Amino acid sequence: MPLAGRSRAYWAVADCWNIVRRTLVHYRRKPVFIAWQLGFPIVSVLLYGYVFGGAMRPPGGGDGGTAADYRAYLMPGMFVTTMAFGFMSTATAVVTDAQKGVTDRFRSMPMAPSAVVTGRGVTDLLTACAELTILAATALAMGWRADGGVAATAGAFALLLWLRFALIWLGVWLGLVLPNAEAAGSLYAVAFPLTMISSIFVPTSTMPGWLGAVAAWNPLSSTASAARGLFGNEVASDGSWVQENALLMAVVWPLAVTAVCLPLAVRRFRGLSR
């Protein structure tokens, strides 16, 4: 088919792939960026699993719980942490392209307007898949096992990627709003307490009542609890409705984030030319 006769859908996909390929080539030429992004989760797992793991006890383990038992509880939470921190990488990449004029250059070219945003999303999902693969291999080497079956394990990883997909749009919106990459780096001050005040590292029932309630309603807690259940690992529920329905909320929370952040990101992107 002649190029002029191809549909808008074809060009949207083709232009999206060109944006993805551009980023992958950038990673290949400057591997330090992707090396740090893929290496940080391993460092975090080893730090929390071995440095702090000896002082921690798994939920329900009592005094007989071992560090290995805690690592089995921790690993799904570390998967969630890696997916959650990904929105900072998205925001940094978007604001860097905007700051250097790359985004404006793309917008001035005869390409599908959606390609800049969708290309970023596809690239980040591919990176997230690589991160989960590396983390899962590290976890298996540390003794973690997924005992929930093949279908349930696939469902758990799907929930993790669903969370990452939702946070991509938060990252894109923030990247279009923030003035520079330095401001994007300060997002860690938000991401760190968000992951700590959750059930990622310890059960919410071990926290003071008011703090435990906040942690239980943290969207990351729902994904962590749902993933643990699907992986066949220990699930520590505080008896609250949101914890008892973690699987449902692990689908609903990212859907709500997407419903809010995606329109904001599209609106901000369209407003760049004004």
C-alpha atoms as a PDB file:
ATOM      1  CA  MET A   1       0.000   0.000   0.000  1.00  0.00           C
ATOM      2  CA  PRO A   2       1.370   3.499  -0.846  1.00  0.00           C
ATOM      3  CA  LEU A   3       2.418   5.560   2.146  1.00  0.00           C
ATOM      4  CA  ALA A   4      -0.174   8.226   1.390  1.00  0.00           C
ATOM      5  CA  GLY A   5      -2.974   5.670   1.485  1.00  0.00           C
ATOM      6  CA  ARG A   6      -2.288   4.294   4.928  1.00  0.00           C
ATOM      7  CA  SER A   7      -4.704   5.003   7.764  1.00  0.00           C
ATOM      8  CA  ARG A   8      -4.282   7.223  10.794  1.00  0.00           C
ATOM      9  CA  ALA A   9      -4.206   4.136  12.996  1.00  0.00           C
ATOM     10  CA  TYR A  10      -1.250   2.777  11.043  1.00  0.00           C
ATOM     11  CA  TRP A  11       0.700   6.006  11.406  1.00  0.00           C
ATOM     12  CA  ALA A  12      -0.181   6.265  15.105  1.00  0.00           C
ATOM     13  CA  VAL A  13       1.341   2.815  15.685  1.00  0.00           C
ATOM     14  CA  ALA A  14       4.314   3.423  13.382  1.00  0.00           C
ATOM     15  CA  ASP A  15       5.146   6.788  14.925  1.00  0.00           C
ATOM     16  CA  CYS A  16       4.728   5.347  18.422  1.00  0.00           C
ATOM     17  CA  TRP A  17       7.244   2.628  17.553  1.00  0.00           C
ATOM     18  CA  ASN A  18       9.677   5.247  16.245  1.00  0.00           C
ATOM     19  CA  ILE A  19       9.528   7.040  19.592  1.00  0.00           C
ATOM     20  CA  VAL A  20      10.091   3.734  21.405  1.00  0.00           C
ATOM     21  CA  ARG A  21      13.005   2.854  19.120  1.00  0.00           C
ATOM     22  CA  ARG A  22      14.538   6.285  19.666  1.00  0.00           C
ATOM     23  CA  THR A  23      14.554   5.751  23.438  1.00  0.00           C
ATOM     24  CA  LEU A  24      15.940   2.217  23.151  1.00  0.00           C
ATOM     25  CA  VAL A  25      18.750   3.489  20.921  1.00  0.00           C
ATOM     26  CA  HIS A  26      19.445   6.192  23.490  1.00  0.00           C
ATOM     27  CA  TYR A  27      19.743   3.517  26.198  1.00  0.00           C
ATOM     28  CA  ARG A  28      22.103   1.499  24.021  1.00  0.00           C
ATOM     29  CA  ARG A  29      24.380   4.460  23.399  1.00  0.00           C
ATOM     30  CA  LYS A  30      24.298   5.605  27.028  1.00  0.00           C
ATOM     31  CA  PRO A  31      23.777   2.389  29.006  1.00  0.00           C
ATOM     32  CA  VAL A  32      24.505   4.054  32.347  1.00  0.00           C
ATOM     33  CA  PHE A  33      20.936   5.399  32.440  1.00  0.00           C
ATOM     34  CA  ILE A  34      19.213   2.070  31.987  1.00  0.00           C
ATOM     35  CA  ALA A  35      21.858   0.262  34.086  1.00  0.00           C
ATOM     36  CA  TRP A  36      21.012   2.412  37.100  1.00  0.00           C
ATOM     37  CA  GLN A  37      17.280   2.051  36.519  1.00  0.00           C
ATOM     38  CA  LEU A  38      17.567  -1.742  36.343  1.00  0.00           C
ATOM     39  CA  GLY A  39      20.234  -2.051  39.039  1.00  0.00           C
ATOM     40  CA  PHE A  40      18.550   0.017  41.740  1.00  0.00           C
ATOM     41  CA  PRO A  41      15.795  -2.590  42.399  1.00  0.00           C
ATOM     42  CA  ILE A  42      18.434  -5.281  42.991  1.00  0.00           C
ATOM     43  CA  VAL A  43      20.279  -3.095  45.480  1.00  0.00           C
ATOM     44  CA  SER A  44      17.007  -2.345  47.270  1.00  0.00           C
ATOM     45  CA  VAL A  45      16.042  -6.021  47.495  1.00  0.00           C
ATOM     46  CA  LEU A  46      19.426  -7.014  48.891  1.00  0.00           C
ATOM     47  CA  LEU A  47      19.390  -4.109  51.335  1.00  0.00           C
ATOM     48  CA  TYR A  48      15.945  -4.734  52.783  1.00  0.00           C
ATOM     49  CA  GLY A  49      16.108  -8.511  52.473  1.00  0.00           C
ATOM     50  CA  TYR A  50      19.504  -9.112  54.092  1.00  0.00           C
ATOM     51  CA  VAL A  51      20.526  -5.985  55.993  1.00  0.00           C
ATOM     52  CA  PHE A  52      17.148  -5.386  57.646  1.00  0.00           C
ATOM     53  CA  GLY A  53      15.628  -8.831  57.155  1.00  0.00           C
ATOM     54  CA  GLY A  54      17.425 -10.392  60.097  1.00  0.00           C
ATOM     55  CA  ALA A  55      15.695  -8.013  62.506  1.00  0.00           C
ATOM     56  CA  MET A  56      12.221  -8.477  61.011  1.00  0.00           C
ATOM     57  CA  ARG A  57       9.643 -11.173  61.610  1.00  0.00           C
ATOM     58  CA  PRO A  58       6.998 -12.285  59.105  1.00  0.00           C
ATOM     59  CA  PRO A  59       3.317 -11.833  59.962  1.00  0.00           C
ATOM     60  CA  GLY A  60       2.003 -14.727  61.992  1.00  0.00           C
ATOM     61  CA  GLY A  61       5.467 -16.159  62.386  1.00  0.00           C
ATOM     62  CA  GLY A  62       5.863 -15.307  66.039  1.00  0.00           C
ATOM     63  CA  ASP A  63       9.273 -15.843  67.564  1.00  0.00           C
ATOM     64  CA  GLY A  64       9.857 -18.797  65.289  1.00  0.00           C
ATOM     65  CA  GLY A  65       9.787 -16.723  62.108  1.00  0.00           C
ATOM     66  CA  THR A  66      13.040 -16.553  60.205  1.00  0.00           C
ATOM     67  CA  ALA A  67      14.676 -13.973  57.971  1.00  0.00           C
ATOM     68  CA  ALA A  68      13.886 -16.221  55.006  1.00  0.00           C
ATOM     69  CA  ASP A  69      10.201 -16.136  55.958  1.00  0.00           C
ATOM     70  CA  TYR A  70      10.314 -12.351  56.050  1.00  0.00           C
ATOM     71  CA  ARG A  71      11.985 -12.207  52.634  1.00  0.00           C
ATOM     72  CA  ALA A  72       9.128 -14.316  51.243  1.00  0.00           C
ATOM     73  CA  TYR A  73       6.729 -11.684  52.622  1.00  0.00           C
ATOM     74  CA  LEU A  74       8.912  -8.808  51.417  1.00  0.00           C
ATOM     75  CA  MET A  75       9.465  -9.766  47.779  1.00  0.00           C
ATOM     76  CA  PRO A  76       5.979  -8.970  46.422  1.00  0.00           C
ATOM     77  CA  GLY A  77       6.198  -5.656  48.244  1.00  0.00           C
ATOM     78  CA  MET A  78       9.534  -4.900  46.592  1.00  0.00           C
ATOM     79  CA  PHE A  79       7.964  -5.613  43.204  1.00  0.00           C
ATOM     80  CA  VAL A  80       5.329  -3.006  44.034  1.00  0.00           C
ATOM     81  CA  THR A  81       7.971  -0.524  45.222  1.00  0.00           C
ATOM     82  CA  THR A  82       9.841  -0.802  41.934  1.00  0.00           C
ATOM     83  CA  MET A  83       6.667  -0.221  39.947  1.00  0.00           C
ATOM     84  CA  ALA A  84       5.744   2.738  42.152  1.00  0.00           C
ATOM     85  CA  PHE A  85       9.132   4.430  41.881  1.00  0.00           C
ATOM     86  CA  GLY A  86       8.922   4.160  38.098  1.00  0.00           C
ATOM     87  CA  PHE A  87       6.770   7.270  37.816  1.00  0.00           C
ATOM     88  CA  MET A  88       9.816   9.345  38.762  1.00  0.00           C
ATOM     89  CA  SER A  89      11.761   7.955  35.806  1.00  0.00           C
ATOM     90  CA  THR A  90       8.828   8.786  33.537  1.00  0.00           C
ATOM     91  CA  ALA A  91       8.577  12.337  34.859  1.00  0.00           C
ATOM     92  CA  THR A  92      12.335  12.880  34.536  1.00  0.00           C
ATOM     93  CA  ALA A  93      12.405  11.622  30.940  1.00  0.00           C
ATOM     94  CA  VAL A  94       9.413  13.741  29.915  1.00  0.00           C
ATOM     95  CA  VAL A  95      10.654  16.951  31.555  1.00  0.00           C
ATOM     96  CA  THR A  96      14.153  16.433  30.111  1.00  0.00           C
ATOM     97  CA  ASP A  97      12.769  16.107  26.572  1.00  0.00           C
ATOM     98  CA  ALA A  98      10.583  19.158  27.103  1.00  0.00           C
ATOM     99  CA  GLN A  99      13.456  21.178  28.557  1.00  0.00           C
ATOM    100  CA  LYS A 100      15.770  20.348  25.637  1.00  0.00           C
ATOM    101  CA  GLY A 101      13.140  21.163  23.027  1.00  0.00           C
ATOM    102  CA  VAL A 102      12.796  17.560  21.857  1.00  0.00           C
ATOM    103  CA  THR A 103       9.058  17.486  22.576  1.00  0.00           C
ATOM    104  CA  ASP A 104       8.460  20.691  20.603  1.00  0.00           C
ATOM    105  CA  ARG A 105      10.462  19.279  17.706  1.00  0.00           C
ATOM    106  CA  PHE A 106       8.355  16.129  17.655  1.00  0.00           C
ATOM    107  CA  ARG A 107       5.179  18.217  17.728  1.00  0.00           C
ATOM    108  CA  SER A 108       6.350  20.215  14.713  1.00  0.00           C
ATOM    109  CA  MET A 109       6.948  17.093  12.626  1.00  0.00           C
ATOM    110  CA  PRO A 110       4.320  15.352  10.434  1.00  0.00           C
ATOM    111  CA  MET A 111       3.623  12.582  12.919  1.00  0.00           C
ATOM    112  CA  ALA A 112       0.672  11.344  14.945  1.00  0.00           C
ATOM    113  CA  PRO A 113       0.133  13.718  17.914  1.00  0.00           C
ATOM    114  CA  SER A 114      -0.445  10.760  20.225  1.00  0.00           C
ATOM    115  CA  ALA A 115       2.896   9.132  19.397  1.00  0.00           C
ATOM    116  CA  VAL A 116       4.959  11.218  21.826  1.00  0.00           C
ATOM    117  CA  VAL A 117       2.832  10.180  24.801  1.00  0.00           C
ATOM    118  CA  THR A 118       2.090   6.588  23.779  1.00  0.00           C
ATOM    119  CA  GLY A 119       5.724   6.026  22.833  1.00  0.00           C
ATOM    120  CA  ARG A 120       6.772   7.060  26.305  1.00  0.00           C
ATOM    121  CA  GLY A 121       4.188   4.736  27.818  1.00  0.00           C
ATOM    122  CA  VAL A 122       5.228   1.707  25.762  1.00  0.00           C
ATOM    123  CA  THR A 123       8.899   2.328  26.515  1.00  0.00           C
ATOM    124  CA  ASP A 124       8.247   2.505  30.244  1.00  0.00           C
ATOM    125  CA  LEU A 125       6.162  -0.666  30.189  1.00  0.00           C
ATOM    126  CA  LEU A 126       8.977  -2.487  28.406  1.00  0.00           C
ATOM    127  CA  THR A 127      11.404  -1.204  31.027  1.00  0.00           C
ATOM    128  CA  ALA A 128       9.015  -2.321  33.774  1.00  0.00           C
ATOM    129  CA  CYS A 129       8.934  -5.831  32.286  1.00  0.00           C
ATOM    130  CA  ALA A 130      12.734  -5.918  32.334  1.00  0.00           C
ATOM    131  CA  GLU A 131      12.772  -4.692  35.942  1.00  0.00           C
ATOM    132  CA  LEU A 132      10.290  -7.361  37.037  1.00  0.00           C
ATOM    133  CA  THR A 133      12.258 -10.065  35.242  1.00  0.00           C
ATOM    134  CA  ILE A 134      15.480  -9.057  36.973  1.00  0.00           C
ATOM    135  CA  LEU A 135      13.769  -8.722  40.346  1.00  0.00           C
ATOM    136  CA  ALA A 136      12.036 -12.089  40.032  1.00  0.00           C
ATOM    137  CA  ALA A 137      15.359 -13.761  39.171  1.00  0.00           C
ATOM    138  CA  THR A 138      16.999 -12.084  42.168  1.00  0.00           C
ATOM    139  CA  ALA A 139      14.121 -13.107  44.424  1.00  0.00           C
ATOM    140  CA  LEU A 140      14.315 -16.726  43.271  1.00  0.00           C
ATOM    141  CA  ALA A 141      18.053 -16.715  44.004  1.00  0.00           C
ATOM    142  CA  MET A 142      17.246 -15.453  47.515  1.00  0.00           C
ATOM    143  CA  GLY A 143      14.844 -18.327  48.133  1.00  0.00           C
ATOM    144  CA  TRP A 144      11.514 -16.712  47.305  1.00  0.00           C
ATOM    145  CA  ARG A 145       8.976 -18.914  45.573  1.00  0.00           C
ATOM    146  CA  ALA A 146       5.609 -18.303  43.922  1.00  0.00           C
ATOM    147  CA  ASP A 147       3.375 -21.157  45.060  1.00  0.00           C
ATOM    148  CA  GLY A 148       0.063 -19.912  43.705  1.00  0.00           C
ATOM    149  CA  GLY A 149       0.244 -21.622  40.337  1.00  0.00           C
ATOM    150  CA  VAL A 150       1.112 -20.416  36.858  1.00  0.00           C
ATOM    151  CA  ALA A 151      -2.149 -18.563  36.177  1.00  0.00           C
ATOM    152  CA  ALA A 152      -2.180 -16.839  39.566  1.00  0.00           C
ATOM    153  CA  THR A 153       1.488 -15.858  39.227  1.00  0.00           C
ATOM    154  CA  ALA A 154       0.818 -14.385  35.790  1.00  0.00           C
ATOM    155  CA  GLY A 155      -2.125 -12.505  37.287  1.00  0.00           C
ATOM    156  CA  ALA A 156       0.093 -11.065  40.022  1.00  0.00           C
ATOM    157  CA  PHE A 157       2.615  -9.758  37.497  1.00  0.00           C
ATOM    158  CA  ALA A 158      -0.266  -8.367  35.434  1.00  0.00           C
ATOM    159  CA  LEU A 159      -1.469  -6.423  38.478  1.00  0.00           C
ATOM    160  CA  LEU A 160       2.030  -5.031  38.988  1.00  0.00           C
ATOM    161  CA  LEU A 161       2.202  -3.873  35.373  1.00  0.00           C
ATOM    162  CA  TRP A 162      -1.327  -2.464  35.678  1.00  0.00           C
ATOM    163  CA  LEU A 163      -0.109  -0.313  38.572  1.00  0.00           C
ATOM    164  CA  ARG A 164       2.902   0.802  36.547  1.00  0.00           C
ATOM    165  CA  PHE A 165       0.672   1.618  33.572  1.00  0.00           C
ATOM    166  CA  ALA A 166      -1.464   3.912  35.717  1.00  0.00           C
ATOM    167  CA  LEU A 167       1.550   5.666  37.204  1.00  0.00           C
ATOM    168  CA  ILE A 168       2.968   6.299  33.734  1.00  0.00           C
ATOM    169  CA  TRP A 169       0.246   8.902  33.174  1.00  0.00           C
ATOM    170  CA  LEU A 170       0.999  10.495  36.528  1.00  0.00           C
ATOM    171  CA  GLY A 171       4.646  10.679  35.498  1.00  0.00           C
ATOM    172  CA  VAL A 172       3.823  12.116  32.069  1.00  0.00           C
ATOM    173  CA  TRP A 173       1.605  14.798  33.595  1.00  0.00           C
ATOM    174  CA  LEU A 174       4.186  15.725  36.215  1.00  0.00           C
ATOM    175  CA  GLY A 175       6.894  15.790  33.555  1.00  0.00           C
ATOM    176  CA  LEU A 176       4.864  18.294  31.550  1.00  0.00           C
ATOM    177  CA  VAL A 177       4.134  20.426  34.623  1.00  0.00           C
ATOM    178  CA  LEU A 178       7.515  20.487  36.375  1.00  0.00           C
ATOM    179  CA  PRO A 179      10.043  23.121  35.234  1.00  0.00           C
ATOM    180  CA  ASN A 180      13.196  20.976  35.071  1.00  0.00           C
ATOM    181  CA  ALA A 181      14.799  17.602  35.794  1.00  0.00           C
ATOM    182  CA  GLU A 182      16.001  18.754  39.211  1.00  0.00           C
ATOM    183  CA  ALA A 183      12.405  19.305  40.278  1.00  0.00           C
ATOM    184  CA  ALA A 184      11.526  15.821  38.998  1.00  0.00           C
ATOM    185  CA  GLY A 185      14.298  14.398  41.194  1.00  0.00           C
ATOM    186  CA  SER A 186      12.644  15.905  44.260  1.00  0.00           C
ATOM    187  CA  LEU A 187       9.638  13.615  43.710  1.00  0.00           C
ATOM    188  CA  TYR A 188      11.533  11.039  45.765  1.00  0.00           C
ATOM    189  CA  ALA A 189      10.444  13.010  48.837  1.00  0.00           C
ATOM    190  CA  VAL A 190       6.874  12.037  47.939  1.00  0.00           C
ATOM    191  CA  ALA A 191       7.493   8.498  46.712  1.00  0.00           C
ATOM    192  CA  PHE A 192       9.521   7.366  49.730  1.00  0.00           C
ATOM    193  CA  PRO A 193       6.893   7.981  52.457  1.00  0.00           C
ATOM    194  CA  LEU A 194       4.190   6.676  50.113  1.00  0.00           C
ATOM    195  CA  THR A 195       5.944   3.301  49.967  1.00  0.00           C
ATOM    196  CA  MET A 196       6.873   3.252  53.653  1.00  0.00           C
ATOM    197  CA  ILE A 197       3.361   4.014  54.943  1.00  0.00           C
ATOM    198  CA  SER A 198       1.902   0.870  53.428  1.00  0.00           C
ATOM    199  CA  SER A 199       1.909  -2.896  53.877  1.00  0.00           C
ATOM    200  CA  ILE A 200       4.957  -3.278  51.622  1.00  0.00           C
ATOM    201  CA  PHE A 201       7.487  -3.789  54.415  1.00  0.00           C
ATOM    202  CA  VAL A 202       5.384  -4.573  57.508  1.00  0.00           C
ATOM    203  CA  PRO A 203       1.730  -5.437  58.161  1.00  0.00           C
ATOM    204  CA  THR A 204      -0.503  -2.427  58.770  1.00  0.00           C
ATOM    205  CA  SER A 205      -1.732  -4.087  61.973  1.00  0.00           C
ATOM    206  CA  THR A 206       1.666  -3.404  63.589  1.00  0.00           C
ATOM    207  CA  MET A 207       1.231   0.369  63.169  1.00  0.00           C
ATOM    208  CA  PRO A 208      -0.652   2.777  65.440  1.00  0.00           C
ATOM    209  CA  GLY A 209      -4.378   2.658  64.691  1.00  0.00           C
ATOM    210  CA  TRP A 210      -4.679   5.900  62.733  1.00  0.00           C
ATOM    211  CA  LEU A 211      -1.493   5.261  60.766  1.00  0.00           C
ATOM    212  CA  GLY A 212      -2.496   1.694  60.033  1.00  0.00           C
ATOM    213  CA  ALA A 213      -5.792   2.923  58.579  1.00  0.00           C
ATOM    214  CA  VAL A 214      -3.950   5.348  56.303  1.00  0.00           C
ATOM    215  CA  ALA A 215      -1.539   2.611  55.236  1.00  0.00           C
ATOM    216  CA  ALA A 216      -4.371   0.146  54.569  1.00  0.00           C
ATOM    217  CA  TRP A 217      -6.031   2.592  52.165  1.00  0.00           C
ATOM    218  CA  ASN A 218      -2.767   3.279  50.386  1.00  0.00           C
ATOM    219  CA  PRO A 219      -3.196   1.964  46.794  1.00  0.00           C
ATOM    220  CA  LEU A 220       0.229   0.329  47.020  1.00  0.00           C
ATOM    221  CA  SER A 221      -0.966  -1.765  49.974  1.00  0.00           C
ATOM    222  CA  SER A 222      -3.820  -3.179  47.890  1.00  0.00           C
ATOM    223  CA  THR A 223      -1.510  -4.212  45.071  1.00  0.00           C
ATOM    224  CA  ALA A 224       1.022  -5.678  47.517  1.00  0.00           C
ATOM    225  CA  SER A 225      -1.619  -7.720  49.367  1.00  0.00           C
ATOM    226  CA  ALA A 226      -3.261  -8.893  46.137  1.00  0.00           C
ATOM    227  CA  ALA A 227       0.105  -9.906  44.673  1.00  0.00           C
ATOM    228  CA  ARG A 228       1.022 -11.833  47.827  1.00  0.00           C
ATOM    229  CA  GLY A 229      -2.245 -13.721  47.668  1.00  0.00           C
ATOM    230  CA  LEU A 230      -1.793 -14.610  44.005  1.00  0.00           C
ATOM    231  CA  PHE A 231       1.838 -15.594  44.519  1.00  0.00           C
ATOM    232  CA  GLY A 232       0.766 -17.860  47.377  1.00  0.00           C
ATOM    233  CA  ASN A 233       2.823 -15.911  49.923  1.00  0.00           C
ATOM    234  CA  GLU A 234       1.806 -14.838  53.420  1.00  0.00           C
ATOM    235  CA  VAL A 235      -0.920 -12.166  53.424  1.00  0.00           C
ATOM    236  CA  ALA A 236      -1.276 -10.028  56.546  1.00  0.00           C
ATOM    237  CA  SER A 237      -4.743  -8.487  56.668  1.00  0.00           C
ATOM    238  CA  ASP A 238      -5.817  -6.126  59.437  1.00  0.00           C
ATOM    239  CA  GLY A 239      -9.462  -7.100  58.954  1.00  0.00           C
ATOM    240  CA  SER A 240     -10.431  -3.841  57.261  1.00  0.00           C
ATOM    241  CA  TRP A 241     -12.690  -3.863  54.207  1.00  0.00           C
ATOM    242  CA  VAL A 242     -10.012  -2.531  51.886  1.00  0.00           C
ATOM    243  CA  GLN A 243      -7.541  -5.214  52.957  1.00  0.00           C
ATOM    244  CA  GLU A 244     -10.103  -8.002  52.702  1.00  0.00           C
ATOM    245  CA  ASN A 245     -10.890  -6.855  49.145  1.00  0.00           C
ATOM    246  CA  ALA A 246      -7.306  -6.192  48.099  1.00  0.00           C
ATOM    247  CA  LEU A 247      -7.663  -7.903  44.710  1.00  0.00           C
ATOM    248  CA  LEU A 248     -10.622  -5.719  43.769  1.00  0.00           C
ATOM    249  CA  MET A 249      -8.899  -2.547  44.952  1.00  0.00           C
ATOM    250  CA  ALA A 250      -5.675  -3.487  43.131  1.00  0.00           C
ATOM    251  CA  VAL A 251      -7.720  -3.140  39.944  1.00  0.00           C
ATOM    252  CA  VAL A 252      -9.802  -0.137  41.009  1.00  0.00           C
ATOM    253  CA  TRP A 253      -7.013   2.102  42.372  1.00  0.00           C
ATOM    254  CA  PRO A 254      -4.920   2.138  39.169  1.00  0.00           C
ATOM    255  CA  LEU A 255      -8.100   2.596  37.133  1.00  0.00           C
ATOM    256  CA  ALA A 256      -8.932   5.684  39.220  1.00  0.00           C
ATOM    257  CA  VAL A 257      -5.388   7.048  38.835  1.00  0.00           C
ATOM    258  CA  THR A 258      -5.572   6.551  35.068  1.00  0.00           C
ATOM    259  CA  ALA A 259      -9.002   8.194  34.862  1.00  0.00           C
ATOM    260  CA  VAL A 260      -7.636  11.285  36.615  1.00  0.00           C
ATOM    261  CA  CYS A 261      -4.084  11.559  35.279  1.00  0.00           C
ATOM    262  CA  LEU A 262      -4.564  10.544  31.642  1.00  0.00           C
ATOM    263  CA  PRO A 263      -6.937  13.443  30.821  1.00  0.00           C
ATOM    264  CA  LEU A 264      -4.679  15.827  32.739  1.00  0.00           C
ATOM    265  CA  ALA A 265      -1.643  14.653  30.764  1.00  0.00           C
ATOM    266  CA  VAL A 266      -3.473  14.927  27.408  1.00  0.00           C
ATOM    267  CA  ARG A 267      -4.793  18.381  28.273  1.00  0.00           C
ATOM    268  CA  ARG A 268      -1.371  19.598  29.347  1.00  0.00           C
ATOM    269  CA  PHE A 269       0.269  18.139  26.250  1.00  0.00           C
ATOM    270  CA  ARG A 270      -2.248  19.847  23.952  1.00  0.00           C
ATOM    271  CA  GLY A 271      -1.732  23.111  25.835  1.00  0.00           C
ATOM    272  CA  LEU A 272       1.994  23.200  25.082  1.00  0.00           C
ATOM    273  CA  SER A 273       1.330  24.945  21.769  1.00  0.00           C
ATOM    274  CA  ARG A 274      -0.742  27.723  23.315  1.00  0.00           C
END
